Amino acid sequence: MASVRRVLMIAPTPFFADRGCHVRILEEVRALRRLGIETTVVTYHLDRDLPDVRIERIPRVPWVRRLGVGPSPHKLYLDLLLLVKTRQVARDLRPELLHAHLHEGAWIGSVLRRHLRLPLIADLQGGLAGELLGHGWRRLARLARRFERRIVHAPDALLASSSALARELEETWGVPSERVVTLVDGVDVERFHPHYETDALQRQWGLDGKRVVVFLGVLTPYQGVDWLLDAVPLVALRVPDVHFLLLGYPNEDHYRLLADRRDLRRWVSFPGRVDYALAPRVLCLGQVAVAPKLSLTEANGKVLNYMAAGLPVVASDTPVNRELLGEWGIYASPGDVEGLAQGLVTLLEDEGRARAAGKALRERAEAHYAWSVLAPQIVDLYDRLTSKRV
């Protein structure tokens, strides 16, 4: 039984926005509640509330109506507002621990822990400088390295979303190994499963008679979307009835235009942002899933959703994807168009192999990545840190 009962979670992002770290935050909150821990999320003024999550928001900033994926100059003052709001909420709530997401959240938590005298956990999805590079912010990435070094040494413990990130924290940044805990992203295997009925959606999106490759994530170059589009005509040459269902946001219009210019729209569609509540059903439209993310250390939670949905997966050959998929994944070196196309063709043409891989990956998700397996590890860390303060 957990001794910690109240946790304040710092989320420097427009929560909840149906993507990436937002899903990790949401699923952690839900899993911790099942173990008797009530979590309050302090976040920006943007995006939408959820009925089962206690959310506190910074004051509305009228000229900031949306934030895109990646860095933004607006975050400089939004994070200062979040610092003030978090301190106010902490005084009222009296939490027993601070659980901060992303490097900005870790910075806010590091300022407050000294005043509040509370343990601080930083929950990191990838390297800060690496993320900035992935979004094309090269100069800012160089400046961020000094900030990153200070930030990762401030918390009492770091939750790394992959073994590759854990190694980076220890080897590149010199964080003592006893303060680094690898906690990969998890998945709700009760909600994500392969048994949803999809006939109506197939008709609605014109997918009858198609062999569907599904992608659900952020539509940006660092997620490998451009690389994937390069592979489409090679796959279609071998599998004429293939259809690539590329779900997510932002930049849908950009990629629709790009697909039109390259005469790919007969094989590709971009339905746009998908409500996370609908994601389990939508994934069941696919026969094969693809995860072409280019980052070597950043988490790739979509892969776990694919696995729980019983989908075989073709992924970029990165340590993160290897850790999640193991021997059951099919891999292509990042940027290798022919390799990515061949992996997809292999699974589309060999239905027996695809079914076997999907079944094995579903079992792997249940055994290793279900939140019912992972959440007790968070609680154990909470209890270990708070016991030191007694």
Foldseek 3Di string as FASTA:
>chain_A
DFPFAEEEEEDAFQPPDQADVNVLVVVLQVLVVVVRHHYEYEYEPHDDDDPVHHYHYFDDDPVPHDDDPDDDPVSVVRLVSSLVRSVVVCVVVVGQAYEYEALSRLVSVLVVCVVSVHAYEYEYQAQPLLRCVLVVNNVVSVVCVVVRLVSLQRGQAYEAQAVVRLCCCCPVNNHPNVRYHYFHAFDALVQAEQDADCPVVCVVVVLVPAAEEEAAHEPDVQQVNVLQLLQQVVLCVLVVRYAYEYEEDDCQVVVVVVCVVVVNVVRYDYPYYDDNSCVNNVLSVHQAYEGERNDQRGHDCVVLSQLSNLWAYEYAPHNRVCVLLPPLHQYDHRSPSVSSSVRVNVCSVCVVSGNVSSVVSSVSSVVPRHSNVRNVVVSVVSNVRSVVVD
